[in-house]
Amino acid sequence: MLMMIVLTVLAAMALGWRETRRDGVAKQGWVAKQKRRANRWVTAAAIAAVGTLAVLGGTQWLRVWMQ
């Protein structure tokens, strides 16, 4: 669980950095900003889930192959 949280925060930070590096978004309303923020966190959670599955699944397969 800790791995998921850490990966989610790191992915959200990276996605936020990427958004700010792109051309600046014109003035948006409050709702549009919240939708972008929610989308960033959902995307970050999905990336963290895939990363966690890959790492934990990979270590499990390593254990299986080592036996």
C-alpha atoms as a PDB file:
ATOM      1  CA  MET A   1       0.000   0.000   0.000  1.00  0.00           C
ATOM      2  CA  LEU A   2       2.834   2.365   0.839  1.00  0.00           C
ATOM      3  CA  MET A   3       4.355   1.695  -2.570  1.00  0.00           C
ATOM      4  CA  MET A   4       1.079   2.645  -4.270  1.00  0.00           C
ATOM      5  CA  ILE A   5       0.851   5.891  -2.308  1.00  0.00           C
ATOM      6  CA  VAL A   6       4.442   6.884  -3.029  1.00  0.00           C
ATOM      7  CA  LEU A   7       4.135   6.052  -6.726  1.00  0.00           C
ATOM      8  CA  THR A   8       0.838   7.928  -6.983  1.00  0.00           C
ATOM      9  CA  VAL A   9       2.311  11.067  -5.447  1.00  0.00           C
ATOM     10  CA  LEU A  10       5.413  10.869  -7.636  1.00  0.00           C
ATOM     11  CA  ALA A  11       3.359  10.323 -10.783  1.00  0.00           C
ATOM     12  CA  ALA A  12       1.030  13.202  -9.886  1.00  0.00           C
ATOM     13  CA  MET A  13       4.009  15.484  -9.349  1.00  0.00           C
ATOM     14  CA  ALA A  14       5.481  14.444 -12.698  1.00  0.00           C
ATOM     15  CA  LEU A  15       2.172  14.956 -14.489  1.00  0.00           C
ATOM     16  CA  GLY A  16       1.741  18.366 -12.850  1.00  0.00           C
ATOM     17  CA  TRP A  17       5.247  19.349 -13.900  1.00  0.00           C
ATOM     18  CA  ARG A  18       4.488  18.209 -17.437  1.00  0.00           C
ATOM     19  CA  GLU A  19       1.316  20.310 -17.527  1.00  0.00           C
ATOM     20  CA  THR A  20       3.159  23.418 -16.417  1.00  0.00           C
ATOM     21  CA  ARG A  21       5.929  22.820 -18.977  1.00  0.00           C
ATOM     22  CA  ARG A  22       3.396  22.712 -21.794  1.00  0.00           C
ATOM     23  CA  ASP A  23       2.050  25.965 -23.037  1.00  0.00           C
ATOM     24  CA  GLY A  24       0.343  27.820 -20.236  1.00  0.00           C
ATOM     25  CA  VAL A  25      -3.335  27.124 -20.033  1.00  0.00           C
ATOM     26  CA  ALA A  26      -5.450  30.201 -20.544  1.00  0.00           C
ATOM     27  CA  LYS A  27      -7.538  31.463 -17.664  1.00  0.00           C
ATOM     28  CA  GLN A  28      -9.867  28.710 -16.640  1.00  0.00           C
ATOM     29  CA  GLY A  29     -12.784  28.583 -14.331  1.00  0.00           C
ATOM     30  CA  TRP A  30     -12.764  26.860 -10.983  1.00  0.00           C
ATOM     31  CA  VAL A  31     -14.619  23.788 -12.284  1.00  0.00           C
ATOM     32  CA  ALA A  32     -12.202  23.314 -15.195  1.00  0.00           C
ATOM     33  CA  LYS A  33      -9.229  23.501 -12.831  1.00  0.00           C
ATOM     34  CA  GLN A  34     -10.768  20.922 -10.509  1.00  0.00           C
ATOM     35  CA  LYS A  35     -11.502  18.588 -13.421  1.00  0.00           C
ATOM     36  CA  ARG A  36      -7.879  18.825 -14.579  1.00  0.00           C
ATOM     37  CA  ARG A  37      -6.663  18.191 -11.041  1.00  0.00           C
ATOM     38  CA  ALA A  38      -8.942  15.164 -10.585  1.00  0.00           C
ATOM     39  CA  ASN A  39      -7.881  13.813 -13.971  1.00  0.00           C
ATOM     40  CA  ARG A  40      -4.220  14.180 -12.986  1.00  0.00           C
ATOM     41  CA  TRP A  41      -4.717  12.198  -9.764  1.00  0.00           C
ATOM     42  CA  VAL A  42      -6.759   9.447 -11.431  1.00  0.00           C
ATOM     43  CA  THR A  43      -4.104   9.100 -14.121  1.00  0.00           C
ATOM     44  CA  ALA A  44      -1.378   9.033 -11.471  1.00  0.00           C
ATOM     45  CA  ALA A  45      -3.230   6.313  -9.542  1.00  0.00           C
ATOM     46  CA  ALA A  46      -3.560   4.214 -12.706  1.00  0.00           C
ATOM     47  CA  ILE A  47       0.157   4.607 -13.454  1.00  0.00           C
ATOM     48  CA  ALA A  48       0.987   3.652  -9.857  1.00  0.00           C
ATOM     49  CA  ALA A  49      -1.247   0.577 -10.036  1.00  0.00           C
ATOM     50  CA  VAL A  50       0.435  -0.656 -13.216  1.00  0.00           C
ATOM     51  CA  GLY A  51       3.875   0.053 -11.778  1.00  0.00           C
ATOM     52  CA  THR A  52       3.094  -1.748  -8.549  1.00  0.00           C
ATOM     53  CA  LEU A  53       1.712  -4.757 -10.397  1.00  0.00           C
ATOM     54  CA  ALA A  54       4.818  -4.891 -12.572  1.00  0.00           C
ATOM     55  CA  VAL A  55       7.229  -4.668  -9.640  1.00  0.00           C
ATOM     56  CA  LEU A  56       5.438  -7.064  -7.318  1.00  0.00           C
ATOM     57  CA  GLY A  57       4.549  -9.458 -10.131  1.00  0.00           C
ATOM     58  CA  GLY A  58       8.130  -9.388 -11.358  1.00  0.00           C
ATOM     59  CA  THR A  59       9.512 -10.221  -7.944  1.00  0.00           C
ATOM     60  CA  GLN A  60       6.992 -13.044  -7.599  1.00  0.00           C
ATOM     61  CA  TRP A  61       8.045 -14.530 -10.935  1.00  0.00           C
ATOM     62  CA  LEU A  62      11.695 -14.230  -9.903  1.00  0.00           C
ATOM     63  CA  ARG A  63      10.906 -16.283  -6.821  1.00  0.00           C
ATOM     64  CA  VAL A  64       9.122 -18.890  -8.920  1.00  0.00           C
ATOM     65  CA  TRP A  65      12.013 -19.170 -11.370  1.00  0.00           C
ATOM     66  CA  MET A  66      14.612 -19.386  -8.615  1.00  0.00           C
ATOM     67  CA  GLN A  67      12.998 -22.487  -7.099  1.00  0.00           C
END
